[in-house]
Amino acid sequence: MIQMADIREWRTRAVLDSGGHKIGTLESVYVDTSTDEPAMATVRIGLPTRHRLAFVPLEGATAGPGYVRIPHDRSQVKHSPAIGMDDVLPAQDEEAVFRHYGLHYEPGAGGERQLARR
């Protein structure tokens, strides 16, 4: 289990794909609102003048000196749902993030969001 205190240290580290190729830089952490455990992160990708934040699941992620390795291919991350650098993920777009990675999406009983930025 990834501990929240540990994952906060991962911010600004390089994010590597399953083959060790750099994808971008870890920007933000999102927790599952039902468990308050780290579930997703955003990775800063794109050209220096046109960055965007792509979502990536943290399950199976490992940390090393100066990097975080995720068990997903760089191409899959680069084609995942993304937001602008100053944007917020709209609630209606959450399910698309989970679907992109083949993950089950479960909003709260009252329609609450499954992800919250920390």
PDB file of N, CA and C in Angstrom:
ATOM      1  N   MET A   1       0.840  -1.184   0.000  1.00  0.00           N
ATOM      2  CA  MET A   1       0.000   0.000   0.000  1.00  0.00           C
ATOM      3  C   MET A   1       0.882   1.244   0.000  1.00  0.00           C
ATOM      4  N   ILE A   2       0.575   2.178  -0.848  1.00  0.00           N
ATOM      5  CA  ILE A   2       1.307   3.431  -0.927  1.00  0.00           C
ATOM      6  C   ILE A   2       0.824   4.334   0.203  1.00  0.00           C
ATOM      7  N   GLN A   3       1.742   4.847   0.975  1.00  0.00           N
ATOM      8  CA  GLN A   3       1.390   5.747   2.066  1.00  0.00           C
ATOM      9  C   GLN A   3       1.367   7.185   1.563  1.00  0.00           C
ATOM     10  N   MET A   4       0.409   7.969   2.029  1.00  0.00           N
ATOM     11  CA  MET A   4       0.260   9.351   1.588  1.00  0.00           C
ATOM     12  C   MET A   4       1.517  10.166   1.867  1.00  0.00           C
ATOM     13  N   ALA A   5       2.148   9.966   3.004  1.00  0.00           N
ATOM     14  CA  ALA A   5       3.358  10.725   3.329  1.00  0.00           C
ATOM     15  C   ALA A   5       4.456  10.442   2.308  1.00  0.00           C
ATOM     16  N   ASP A   6       4.565   9.200   1.873  1.00  0.00           N
ATOM     17  CA  ASP A   6       5.582   8.841   0.884  1.00  0.00           C
ATOM     18  C   ASP A   6       5.299   9.473  -0.465  1.00  0.00           C
ATOM     19  N   ILE A   7       4.050   9.438  -0.885  1.00  0.00           N
ATOM     20  CA  ILE A   7       3.714   9.908  -2.217  1.00  0.00           C
ATOM     21  C   ILE A   7       3.875  11.420  -2.352  1.00  0.00           C
ATOM     22  N   ARG A   8       3.721  12.151  -1.262  1.00  0.00           N
ATOM     23  CA  ARG A   8       3.941  13.602  -1.338  1.00  0.00           C
ATOM     24  C   ARG A   8       5.383  13.903  -1.716  1.00  0.00           C
ATOM     25  N   GLU A   9       6.297  13.032  -1.342  1.00  0.00           N
ATOM     26  CA  GLU A   9       7.704  13.200  -1.701  1.00  0.00           C
ATOM     27  C   GLU A   9       7.959  12.926  -3.192  1.00  0.00           C
ATOM     28  N   TRP A  10       7.018  12.278  -3.857  1.00  0.00           N
ATOM     29  CA  TRP A  10       7.186  11.931  -5.262  1.00  0.00           C
ATOM     30  C   TRP A  10       6.954  13.128  -6.181  1.00  0.00           C
ATOM     31  N   ARG A  11       6.303  14.173  -5.695  1.00  0.00           N
ATOM     32  CA  ARG A  11       6.010  15.326  -6.558  1.00  0.00           C
ATOM     33  C   ARG A  11       7.294  15.886  -7.133  1.00  0.00           C
ATOM     34  N   THR A  12       7.221  16.268  -8.378  1.00  0.00           N
ATOM     35  CA  THR A  12       8.302  16.823  -9.209  1.00  0.00           C
ATOM     36  C   THR A  12       9.313  15.766  -9.647  1.00  0.00           C
ATOM     37  N   ARG A  13       9.105  14.504  -9.287  1.00  0.00           N
ATOM     38  CA  ARG A  13      10.003  13.446  -9.775  1.00  0.00           C
ATOM     39  C   ARG A  13       9.634  13.071 -11.206  1.00  0.00           C
ATOM     40  N   ALA A  14      10.607  12.546 -11.926  1.00  0.00           N
ATOM     41  CA  ALA A  14      10.355  12.032 -13.269  1.00  0.00           C
ATOM     42  C   ALA A  14       9.427  10.829 -13.157  1.00  0.00           C
ATOM     43  N   VAL A  15       8.488  10.709 -14.085  1.00  0.00           N
ATOM     44  CA  VAL A  15       7.608   9.548 -14.152  1.00  0.00           C
ATOM     45  C   VAL A  15       8.060   8.702 -15.331  1.00  0.00           C
ATOM     46  N   LEU A  16       8.370   7.432 -15.049  1.00  0.00           N
ATOM     47  CA  LEU A  16       8.836   6.502 -16.069  1.00  0.00           C
ATOM     48  C   LEU A  16       7.762   5.468 -16.352  1.00  0.00           C
ATOM     49  N   ASP A  17       7.709   5.001 -17.602  1.00  0.00           N
ATOM     50  CA  ASP A  17       6.747   3.957 -17.933  1.00  0.00           C
ATOM     51  C   ASP A  17       7.316   2.591 -17.584  1.00  0.00           C
ATOM     52  N   SER A  18       6.579   1.545 -17.901  1.00  0.00           N
ATOM     53  CA  SER A  18       6.988   0.192 -17.538  1.00  0.00           C
ATOM     54  C   SER A  18       8.306  -0.220 -18.184  1.00  0.00           C
ATOM     55  N   GLY A  19       8.685   0.420 -19.297  1.00  0.00           N
ATOM     56  CA  GLY A  19       9.944   0.123 -19.968  1.00  0.00           C
ATOM     57  C   GLY A  19      11.094   1.033 -19.561  1.00  0.00           C
ATOM     58  N   GLY A  20      10.839   1.948 -18.616  1.00  0.00           N
ATOM     59  CA  GLY A  20      11.877   2.858 -18.149  1.00  0.00           C
ATOM     60  C   GLY A  20      12.000   4.146 -18.943  1.00  0.00           C
ATOM     61  N   HIS A  21      11.072   4.398 -19.874  1.00  0.00           N
ATOM     62  CA  HIS A  21      11.089   5.635 -20.671  1.00  0.00           C
ATOM     63  C   HIS A  21      10.404   6.760 -19.914  1.00  0.00           C
ATOM     64  N   LYS A  22      10.997   7.949 -19.956  1.00  0.00           N
ATOM     65  CA  LYS A  22      10.405   9.091 -19.246  1.00  0.00           C
ATOM     66  C   LYS A  22       9.133   9.546 -19.942  1.00  0.00           C
ATOM     67  N   ILE A  23       8.098   9.734 -19.124  1.00  0.00           N
ATOM     68  CA  ILE A  23       6.814  10.227 -19.614  1.00  0.00           C
ATOM     69  C   ILE A  23       6.690  11.713 -19.343  1.00  0.00           C
ATOM     70  N   GLY A  24       7.048  12.137 -18.134  1.00  0.00           N
ATOM     71  CA  GLY A  24       6.906  13.525 -17.721  1.00  0.00           C
ATOM     72  C   GLY A  24       7.259  13.660 -16.257  1.00  0.00           C
ATOM     73  N   THR A  25       6.654  14.650 -15.596  1.00  0.00           N
ATOM     74  CA  THR A  25       6.934  14.944 -14.193  1.00  0.00           C
ATOM     75  C   THR A  25       5.657  14.821 -13.377  1.00  0.00           C
ATOM     76  N   LEU A  26       5.738  14.158 -12.214  1.00  0.00           N
ATOM     77  CA  LEU A  26       4.569  14.003 -11.360  1.00  0.00           C
ATOM     78  C   LEU A  26       4.172  15.369 -10.806  1.00  0.00           C
ATOM     79  N   GLU A  27       2.916  15.719 -10.993  1.00  0.00           N
ATOM     80  CA  GLU A  27       2.426  17.040 -10.603  1.00  0.00           C
ATOM     81  C   GLU A  27       1.537  16.990  -9.351  1.00  0.00           C
ATOM     82  N   SER A  28       0.477  16.182  -9.386  1.00  0.00           N
ATOM     83  CA  SER A  28      -0.491  16.149  -8.291  1.00  0.00           C
ATOM     84  C   SER A  28      -0.909  14.721  -7.986  1.00  0.00           C
ATOM     85  N   VAL A  29      -1.413  14.535  -6.773  1.00  0.00           N
ATOM     86  CA  VAL A  29      -1.894  13.238  -6.320  1.00  0.00           C
ATOM     87  C   VAL A  29      -3.390  13.346  -6.059  1.00  0.00           C
ATOM     88  N   TYR A  30      -4.136  12.335  -6.473  1.00  0.00           N
ATOM     89  CA  TYR A  30      -5.571  12.248  -6.240  1.00  0.00           C
ATOM     90  C   TYR A  30      -5.846  11.007  -5.405  1.00  0.00           C
ATOM     91  N   VAL A  31      -6.688  11.148  -4.383  1.00  0.00           N
ATOM     92  CA  VAL A  31      -7.037  10.022  -3.532  1.00  0.00           C
ATOM     93  C   VAL A  31      -8.444   9.536  -3.861  1.00  0.00           C
ATOM     94  N   ASP A  32      -8.692   8.278  -3.542  1.00  0.00           N
ATOM     95  CA  ASP A  32     -10.023   7.696  -3.661  1.00  0.00           C
ATOM     96  C   ASP A  32     -10.823   8.248  -2.484  1.00  0.00           C
ATOM     97  N   THR A  33     -11.941   8.888  -2.744  1.00  0.00           N
ATOM     98  CA  THR A  33     -12.704   9.541  -1.678  1.00  0.00           C
ATOM     99  C   THR A  33     -13.325   8.563  -0.695  1.00  0.00           C
ATOM    100  N   SER A  34     -13.483   7.293  -1.082  1.00  0.00           N
ATOM    101  CA  SER A  34     -14.070   6.327  -0.152  1.00  0.00           C
ATOM    102  C   SER A  34     -13.038   5.755   0.819  1.00  0.00           C
ATOM    103  N   THR A  35     -11.753   5.782   0.437  1.00  0.00           N
ATOM    104  CA  THR A  35     -10.712   5.207   1.304  1.00  0.00           C
ATOM    105  C   THR A  35      -9.663   6.221   1.744  1.00  0.00           C
ATOM    106  N   ASP A  36      -9.608   7.361   1.086  1.00  0.00           N
ATOM    107  CA  ASP A  36      -8.601   8.402   1.311  1.00  0.00           C
ATOM    108  C   ASP A  36      -7.178   7.885   1.024  1.00  0.00           C
ATOM    109  N   GLU A  37      -7.068   6.867   0.167  1.00  0.00           N
ATOM    110  CA  GLU A  37      -5.777   6.317  -0.240  1.00  0.00           C
ATOM    111  C   GLU A  37      -5.412   6.853  -1.623  1.00  0.00           C
ATOM    112  N   PRO A  38      -4.124   7.056  -1.910  1.00  0.00           N
ATOM    113  CA  PRO A  38      -3.700   7.523  -3.232  1.00  0.00           C
ATOM    114  C   PRO A  38      -4.200   6.590  -4.325  1.00  0.00           C
ATOM    115  N   ALA A  39      -4.813   7.147  -5.367  1.00  0.00           N
ATOM    116  CA  ALA A  39      -5.374   6.340  -6.446  1.00  0.00           C
ATOM    117  C   ALA A  39      -4.846   6.755  -7.809  1.00  0.00           C
ATOM    118  N   MET A  40      -4.716   8.043  -8.061  1.00  0.00           N
ATOM    119  CA  MET A  40      -4.286   8.562  -9.358  1.00  0.00           C
ATOM    120  C   MET A  40      -3.307   9.709  -9.132  1.00  0.00           C
ATOM    121  N   ALA A  41      -2.604  10.031 -10.203  1.00  0.00           N
ATOM    122  CA  ALA A  41      -1.725  11.193 -10.191  1.00  0.00           C
ATOM    123  C   ALA A  41      -1.848  11.871 -11.546  1.00  0.00           C
ATOM    124  N   THR A  42      -1.452  13.120 -11.590  1.00  0.00           N
ATOM    125  CA  THR A  42      -1.339  13.783 -12.881  1.00  0.00           C
ATOM    126  C   THR A  42       0.143  13.912 -13.195  1.00  0.00           C
ATOM    127  N   VAL A  43       0.439  13.751 -14.483  1.00  0.00           N
ATOM    128  CA  VAL A  43       1.806  13.824 -14.984  1.00  0.00           C
ATOM    129  C   VAL A  43       1.871  14.971 -15.981  1.00  0.00           C
ATOM    130  N   ARG A  44       2.819  15.883 -15.774  1.00  0.00           N
ATOM    131  CA  ARG A  44       2.991  17.007 -16.696  1.00  0.00           C
ATOM    132  C   ARG A  44       3.677  16.480 -17.958  1.00  0.00           C
ATOM    133  N   ILE A  45       2.965  16.586 -19.082  1.00  0.00           N
ATOM    134  CA  ILE A  45       3.496  16.111 -20.359  1.00  0.00           C
ATOM    135  C   ILE A  45       3.336  17.202 -21.406  1.00  0.00           C
ATOM    136  N   GLY A  46       3.955  17.014 -22.551  1.00  0.00           N
ATOM    137  CA  GLY A  46       3.804  17.945 -23.655  1.00  0.00           C
ATOM    138  C   GLY A  46       5.020  18.823 -23.858  1.00  0.00           C
ATOM    139  N   LEU A  47       4.896  19.678 -24.846  1.00  0.00           N
ATOM    140  CA  LEU A  47       5.970  20.619 -25.169  1.00  0.00           C
ATOM    141  C   LEU A  47       6.097  21.674 -24.085  1.00  0.00           C
ATOM    142  N   PRO A  48       7.284  22.246 -23.902  1.00  0.00           N
ATOM    143  CA  PRO A  48       7.472  23.239 -22.832  1.00  0.00           C
ATOM    144  C   PRO A  48       6.477  24.403 -22.864  1.00  0.00           C
ATOM    145  N   THR A  49       6.036  24.801 -24.030  1.00  0.00           N
ATOM    146  CA  THR A  49       5.093  25.921 -24.106  1.00  0.00           C
ATOM    147  C   THR A  49       3.643  25.458 -24.103  1.00  0.00           C
ATOM    148  N   ARG A  50       3.419  24.144 -24.142  1.00  0.00           N
ATOM    149  CA  ARG A  50       2.046  23.622 -24.197  1.00  0.00           C
ATOM    150  C   ARG A  50       1.898  22.395 -23.304  1.00  0.00           C
ATOM    151  N   HIS A  51       2.222  22.534 -22.040  1.00  0.00           N
ATOM    152  CA  HIS A  51       2.075  21.424 -21.099  1.00  0.00           C
ATOM    153  C   HIS A  51       0.612  21.138 -20.823  1.00  0.00           C
ATOM    154  N   ARG A  52       0.342  19.888 -20.460  1.00  0.00           N
ATOM    155  CA  ARG A  52      -0.969  19.480 -19.982  1.00  0.00           C
ATOM    156  C   ARG A  52      -0.748  18.416 -18.927  1.00  0.00           C
ATOM    157  N   LEU A  53      -1.782  18.106 -18.167  1.00  0.00           N
ATOM    158  CA  LEU A  53      -1.690  17.127 -17.092  1.00  0.00           C
ATOM    159  C   LEU A  53      -2.485  15.882 -17.468  1.00  0.00           C
ATOM    160  N   ALA A  54      -1.777  14.766 -17.653  1.00  0.00           N
ATOM    161  CA  ALA A  54      -2.419  13.489 -17.980  1.00  0.00           C
ATOM    162  C   ALA A  54      -2.596  12.685 -16.699  1.00  0.00           C
ATOM    163  N   PHE A  55      -3.682  11.945 -16.623  1.00  0.00           N
ATOM    164  CA  PHE A  55      -3.966  11.128 -15.450  1.00  0.00           C
ATOM    165  C   PHE A  55      -3.371   9.741 -15.603  1.00  0.00           C
ATOM    166  N   VAL A  56      -2.880   9.199 -14.477  1.00  0.00           N
ATOM    167  CA  VAL A  56      -2.314   7.855 -14.456  1.00  0.00           C
ATOM    168  C   VAL A  56      -2.628   7.205 -13.109  1.00  0.00           C
ATOM    169  N   PRO A  57      -3.044   5.918 -13.128  1.00  0.00           N
ATOM    170  CA  PRO A  57      -3.287   5.212 -11.866  1.00  0.00           C
ATOM    171  C   PRO A  57      -1.984   4.968 -11.119  1.00  0.00           C
ATOM    172  N   LEU A  58      -2.044   4.973  -9.806  1.00  0.00           N
ATOM    173  CA  LEU A  58      -0.856   4.746  -8.981  1.00  0.00           C
ATOM    174  C   LEU A  58      -0.711   3.304  -8.509  1.00  0.00           C
ATOM    175  N   GLU A  59      -1.724   2.476  -8.738  1.00  0.00           N
ATOM    176  CA  GLU A  59      -1.616   1.084  -8.320  1.00  0.00           C
ATOM    177  C   GLU A  59      -0.434   0.429  -9.042  1.00  0.00           C
ATOM    178  N   GLY A  60       0.444  -0.173  -8.274  1.00  0.00           N
ATOM    179  CA  GLY A  60       1.615  -0.841  -8.836  1.00  0.00           C
ATOM    180  C   GLY A  60       2.800   0.081  -9.073  1.00  0.00           C
ATOM    181  N   ALA A  61       2.670   1.372  -8.728  1.00  0.00           N
ATOM    182  CA  ALA A  61       3.775   2.322  -8.911  1.00  0.00           C
ATOM    183  C   ALA A  61       4.871   2.055  -7.885  1.00  0.00           C
ATOM    184  N   THR A  62       6.114   2.290  -8.304  1.00  0.00           N
ATOM    185  CA  THR A  62       7.250   2.155  -7.397  1.00  0.00           C
ATOM    186  C   THR A  62       8.103   3.410  -7.501  1.00  0.00           C
ATOM    187  N   ALA A  63       8.781   3.726  -6.421  1.00  0.00           N
ATOM    188  CA  ALA A  63       9.625   4.919  -6.403  1.00  0.00           C
ATOM    189  C   ALA A  63      11.079   4.517  -6.299  1.00  0.00           C
ATOM    190  N   GLY A  64      11.921   5.282  -6.985  1.00  0.00           N
ATOM    191  CA  GLY A  64      13.361   5.113  -6.905  1.00  0.00           C
ATOM    192  C   GLY A  64      13.980   6.468  -6.698  1.00  0.00           C
ATOM    193  N   PRO A  65      15.302   6.547  -6.694  1.00  0.00           N
ATOM    194  CA  PRO A  65      15.946   7.846  -6.491  1.00  0.00           C
ATOM    195  C   PRO A  65      15.654   8.798  -7.653  1.00  0.00           C
ATOM    196  N   GLY A  66      14.769   9.749  -7.423  1.00  0.00           N
ATOM    197  CA  GLY A  66      14.464  10.761  -8.426  1.00  0.00           C
ATOM    198  C   GLY A  66      13.427  10.376  -9.455  1.00  0.00           C
ATOM    199  N   TYR A  67      12.792   9.202  -9.320  1.00  0.00           N
ATOM    200  CA  TYR A  67      11.781   8.803 -10.299  1.00  0.00           C
ATOM    201  C   TYR A  67      10.663   7.990  -9.654  1.00  0.00           C
ATOM    202  N   VAL A  68       9.549   7.937 -10.375  1.00  0.00           N
ATOM    203  CA  VAL A  68       8.424   7.066 -10.041  1.00  0.00           C
ATOM    204  C   VAL A  68       8.155   6.247 -11.292  1.00  0.00           C
ATOM    205  N   ARG A  69       8.115   4.925 -11.148  1.00  0.00           N
ATOM    206  CA  ARG A  69       7.842   4.040 -12.285  1.00  0.00           C
ATOM    207  C   ARG A  69       6.418   3.515 -12.157  1.00  0.00           C
ATOM    208  N   ILE A  70       5.667   3.642 -13.241  1.00  0.00           N
ATOM    209  CA  ILE A  70       4.289   3.165 -13.258  1.00  0.00           C
ATOM    210  C   ILE A  70       4.185   1.976 -14.210  1.00  0.00           C
ATOM    211  N   PRO A  71       3.247   1.076 -13.966  1.00  0.00           N
ATOM    212  CA  PRO A  71       3.130  -0.114 -14.805  1.00  0.00           C
ATOM    213  C   PRO A  71       2.278   0.096 -16.055  1.00  0.00           C
ATOM    214  N   HIS A  72       2.475   1.219 -16.719  1.00  0.00           N
ATOM    215  CA  HIS A  72       1.724   1.530 -17.932  1.00  0.00           C
ATOM    216  C   HIS A  72       2.696   2.030 -18.994  1.00  0.00           C
ATOM    217  N   ASP A  73       2.330   1.852 -20.242  1.00  0.00           N
ATOM    218  CA  ASP A  73       3.134   2.291 -21.370  1.00  0.00           C
ATOM    219  C   ASP A  73       3.003   3.804 -21.568  1.00  0.00           C
ATOM    220  N   ARG A  74       4.090   4.434 -21.989  1.00  0.00           N
ATOM    221  CA  ARG A  74       4.104   5.884 -22.205  1.00  0.00           C
ATOM    222  C   ARG A  74       2.999   6.324 -23.169  1.00  0.00           C
ATOM    223  N   SER A  75       2.775   5.567 -24.215  1.00  0.00           N
ATOM    224  CA  SER A  75       1.749   5.909 -25.201  1.00  0.00           C
ATOM    225  C   SER A  75       0.358   5.925 -24.571  1.00  0.00           C
ATOM    226  N   GLN A  76       0.083   4.963 -23.708  1.00  0.00           N
ATOM    227  CA  GLN A  76      -1.216   4.922 -23.051  1.00  0.00           C
ATOM    228  C   GLN A  76      -1.417   6.151 -22.171  1.00  0.00           C
ATOM    229  N   VAL A  77      -0.380   6.564 -21.463  1.00  0.00           N
ATOM    230  CA  VAL A  77      -0.485   7.742 -20.600  1.00  0.00           C
ATOM    231  C   VAL A  77      -0.670   8.997 -21.450  1.00  0.00           C
ATOM    232  N   LYS A  78       0.084   9.122 -22.516  1.00  0.00           N
ATOM    233  CA  LYS A  78      -0.004  10.327 -23.350  1.00  0.00           C
ATOM    234  C   LYS A  78      -1.356  10.463 -24.031  1.00  0.00           C
ATOM    235  N   HIS A  79      -2.085   9.354 -24.178  1.00  0.00           N
ATOM    236  CA  HIS A  79      -3.411   9.395 -24.797  1.00  0.00           C
ATOM    237  C   HIS A  79      -4.537   9.348 -23.769  1.00  0.00           C
ATOM    238  N   SER A  80      -4.186   9.423 -22.498  1.00  0.00           N
ATOM    239  CA  SER A  80      -5.212   9.396 -21.455  1.00  0.00           C
ATOM    240  C   SER A  80      -5.917  10.747 -21.378  1.00  0.00           C
ATOM    241  N   PRO A  81      -7.089  10.785 -20.744  1.00  0.00           N
ATOM    242  CA  PRO A  81      -7.747  12.070 -20.539  1.00  0.00           C
ATOM    243  C   PRO A  81      -6.799  13.026 -19.799  1.00  0.00           C
ATOM    244  N   ALA A  82      -6.805  14.283 -20.193  1.00  0.00           N
ATOM    245  CA  ALA A  82      -5.890  15.276 -19.617  1.00  0.00           C
ATOM    246  C   ALA A  82      -6.639  16.580 -19.362  1.00  0.00           C
ATOM    247  N   ILE A  83      -6.015  17.410 -18.540  1.00  0.00           N
ATOM    248  CA  ILE A  83      -6.552  18.740 -18.259  1.00  0.00           C
ATOM    249  C   ILE A  83      -5.433  19.752 -18.465  1.00  0.00           C
ATOM    250  N   GLY A  84      -5.786  21.016 -18.558  1.00  0.00           N
ATOM    251  CA  GLY A  84      -4.800  22.082 -18.653  1.00  0.00           C
ATOM    252  C   GLY A  84      -4.073  22.250 -17.330  1.00  0.00           C
ATOM    253  N   MET A  85      -2.975  22.940 -17.348  1.00  0.00           N
ATOM    254  CA  MET A  85      -2.141  23.106 -16.158  1.00  0.00           C
ATOM    255  C   MET A  85      -2.889  23.748 -14.984  1.00  0.00           C
ATOM    256  N   ASP A  86      -3.842  24.606 -15.247  1.00  0.00           N
ATOM    257  CA  ASP A  86      -4.585  25.280 -14.175  1.00  0.00           C
ATOM    258  C   ASP A  86      -6.032  24.805 -14.079  1.00  0.00           C
ATOM    259  N   ASP A  87      -6.363  23.713 -14.772  1.00  0.00           N
ATOM    260  CA  ASP A  87      -7.737  23.229 -14.806  1.00  0.00           C
ATOM    261  C   ASP A  87      -8.007  22.205 -13.709  1.00  0.00           C
ATOM    262  N   VAL A  88      -9.267  21.899 -13.543  1.00  0.00           N
ATOM    263  CA  VAL A  88      -9.734  20.891 -12.594  1.00  0.00           C
ATOM    264  C   VAL A  88     -10.503  19.844 -13.398  1.00  0.00           C
ATOM    265  N   LEU A  89     -10.349  18.578 -13.028  1.00  0.00           N
ATOM    266  CA  LEU A  89     -11.078  17.510 -13.706  1.00  0.00           C
ATOM    267  C   LEU A  89     -12.565  17.633 -13.402  1.00  0.00           C
ATOM    268  N   PRO A  90     -13.402  17.861 -14.436  1.00  0.00           N
ATOM    269  CA  PRO A  90     -14.843  17.936 -14.192  1.00  0.00           C
ATOM    270  C   PRO A  90     -15.372  16.588 -13.707  1.00  0.00           C
ATOM    271  N   ALA A  91     -16.330  16.609 -12.809  1.00  0.00           N
ATOM    272  CA  ALA A  91     -16.890  15.380 -12.243  1.00  0.00           C
ATOM    273  C   ALA A  91     -17.396  14.443 -13.332  1.00  0.00           C
ATOM    274  N   GLN A  92     -17.999  14.982 -14.376  1.00  0.00           N
ATOM    275  CA  GLN A  92     -18.546  14.137 -15.436  1.00  0.00           C
ATOM    276  C   GLN A  92     -17.458  13.462 -16.278  1.00  0.00           C
ATOM    277  N   ASP A  93     -16.205  13.890 -16.152  1.00  0.00           N
ATOM    278  CA  ASP A  93     -15.105  13.295 -16.910  1.00  0.00           C
ATOM    279  C   ASP A  93     -14.311  12.248 -16.128  1.00  0.00           C
ATOM    280  N   GLU A  94     -14.619  12.079 -14.858  1.00  0.00           N
ATOM    281  CA  GLU A  94     -13.891  11.108 -14.039  1.00  0.00           C
ATOM    282  C   GLU A  94     -13.976   9.692 -14.593  1.00  0.00           C
ATOM    283  N   GLU A  95     -15.156   9.277 -14.982  1.00  0.00           N
ATOM    284  CA  GLU A  95     -15.334   7.905 -15.458  1.00  0.00           C
ATOM    285  C   GLU A  95     -14.458   7.617 -16.673  1.00  0.00           C
ATOM    286  N   ALA A  96     -14.259   8.594 -17.548  1.00  0.00           N
ATOM    287  CA  ALA A  96     -13.422   8.396 -18.740  1.00  0.00           C
ATOM    288  C   ALA A  96     -11.975   8.084 -18.369  1.00  0.00           C
ATOM    289  N   VAL A  97     -11.486   8.668 -17.281  1.00  0.00           N
ATOM    290  CA  VAL A  97     -10.120   8.393 -16.824  1.00  0.00           C
ATOM    291  C   VAL A  97     -10.001   6.920 -16.428  1.00  0.00           C
ATOM    292  N   PHE A  98     -10.938   6.443 -15.645  1.00  0.00           N
ATOM    293  CA  PHE A  98     -10.919   5.050 -15.206  1.00  0.00           C
ATOM    294  C   PHE A  98     -11.078   4.105 -16.398  1.00  0.00           C
ATOM    295  N   ARG A  99     -12.002   4.415 -17.284  1.00  0.00           N
ATOM    296  CA  ARG A  99     -12.261   3.574 -18.452  1.00  0.00           C
ATOM    297  C   ARG A  99     -11.019   3.470 -19.341  1.00  0.00           C
ATOM    298  N   HIS A 100     -10.274   4.557 -19.485  1.00  0.00           N
ATOM    299  CA  HIS A 100      -9.070   4.563 -20.327  1.00  0.00           C
ATOM    300  C   HIS A 100      -8.072   3.493 -19.875  1.00  0.00           C
ATOM    301  N   TYR A 101      -7.992   3.264 -18.574  1.00  0.00           N
ATOM    302  CA  TYR A 101      -7.057   2.278 -18.030  1.00  0.00           C
ATOM    303  C   TYR A 101      -7.726   0.940 -17.712  1.00  0.00           C
ATOM    304  N   GLY A 102      -8.992   0.776 -18.108  1.00  0.00           N
ATOM    305  CA  GLY A 102      -9.696  -0.478 -17.865  1.00  0.00           C
ATOM    306  C   GLY A 102     -10.027  -0.714 -16.410  1.00  0.00           C
ATOM    307  N   LEU A 103     -10.211   0.365 -15.651  1.00  0.00           N
ATOM    308  CA  LEU A 103     -10.499   0.270 -14.225  1.00  0.00           C
ATOM    309  C   LEU A 103     -11.984   0.489 -13.959  1.00  0.00           C
ATOM    310  N   HIS A 104     -12.471  -0.131 -12.895  1.00  0.00           N
ATOM    311  CA  HIS A 104     -13.867   0.027 -12.475  1.00  0.00           C
ATOM    312  C   HIS A 104     -14.056   1.416 -11.864  1.00  0.00           C
ATOM    313  N   TYR A 105     -15.138   2.080 -12.251  1.00  0.00           N
ATOM    314  CA  TYR A 105     -15.461   3.399 -11.702  1.00  0.00           C
ATOM    315  C   TYR A 105     -16.669   3.272 -10.793  1.00  0.00           C
ATOM    316  N   GLU A 106     -16.558   3.786  -9.581  1.00  0.00           N
ATOM    317  CA  GLU A 106     -17.627   3.683  -8.594  1.00  0.00           C
ATOM    318  C   GLU A 106     -17.824   5.021  -7.887  1.00  0.00           C
ATOM    319  N   PRO A 107     -18.770   5.852  -8.365  1.00  0.00           N
ATOM    320  CA  PRO A 107     -19.029   7.106  -7.644  1.00  0.00           C
ATOM    321  C   PRO A 107     -19.731   6.806  -6.322  1.00  0.00           C
ATOM    322  N   GLY A 108     -19.770   7.779  -5.445  1.00  0.00           N
ATOM    323  CA  GLY A 108     -20.428   7.613  -4.154  1.00  0.00           C
ATOM    324  C   GLY A 108     -21.923   7.394  -4.324  1.00  0.00           C
ATOM    325  N   ALA A 109     -22.572   6.927  -3.268  1.00  0.00           N
ATOM    326  CA  ALA A 109     -24.005   6.620  -3.303  1.00  0.00           C
ATOM    327  C   ALA A 109     -24.840   7.833  -3.701  1.00  0.00           C
ATOM    328  N   GLY A 110     -24.406   9.010  -3.306  1.00  0.00           N
ATOM    329  CA  GLY A 110     -25.117  10.232  -3.647  1.00  0.00           C
ATOM    330  C   GLY A 110     -24.552  10.907  -4.887  1.00  0.00           C
ATOM    331  N   GLY A 111     -23.760  10.161  -5.667  1.00  0.00           N
ATOM    332  CA  GLY A 111     -23.160  10.718  -6.877  1.00  0.00           C
ATOM    333  C   GLY A 111     -21.868  11.472  -6.619  1.00  0.00           C
ATOM    334  N   GLU A 112     -21.300  11.306  -5.402  1.00  0.00           N
ATOM    335  CA  GLU A 112     -20.062  12.004  -5.080  1.00  0.00           C
ATOM    336  C   GLU A 112     -18.933  11.542  -5.987  1.00  0.00           C
ATOM    337  N   ARG A 113     -17.949  12.393  -6.120  1.00  0.00           N
ATOM    338  CA  ARG A 113     -16.774  12.081  -6.931  1.00  0.00           C
ATOM    339  C   ARG A 113     -15.988  10.942  -6.297  1.00  0.00           C
ATOM    340  N   GLN A 114     -15.288  10.185  -7.134  1.00  0.00           N
ATOM    341  CA  GLN A 114     -14.434   9.131  -6.610  1.00  0.00           C
ATOM    342  C   GLN A 114     -13.027   9.650  -6.349  1.00  0.00           C
ATOM    343  N   LEU A 115     -12.618  10.723  -7.030  1.00  0.00           N
ATOM    344  CA  LEU A 115     -11.273  11.264  -6.875  1.00  0.00           C
ATOM    345  C   LEU A 115     -11.289  12.648  -6.239  1.00  0.00           C
ATOM    346  N   ALA A 116     -10.296  12.899  -5.384  1.00  0.00           N
ATOM    347  CA  ALA A 116     -10.122  14.219  -4.783  1.00  0.00           C
ATOM    348  C   ALA A 116      -8.626  14.545  -4.809  1.00  0.00           C
ATOM    349  N   ARG A 117      -8.308  15.743  -5.222  1.00  0.00           N
ATOM    350  CA  ARG A 117      -6.901  16.168  -5.294  1.00  0.00           C
ATOM    351  C   ARG A 117      -6.380  16.485  -3.896  1.00  0.00           C
ATOM    352  N   ARG A 118      -5.165  16.036  -3.621  1.00  0.00           N
ATOM    353  CA  ARG A 118      -4.534  16.322  -2.325  1.00  0.00           C
ATOM    354  C   ARG A 118      -3.239  17.064  -2.528  1.00  0.00           C
TER     355      ARG A 118
END
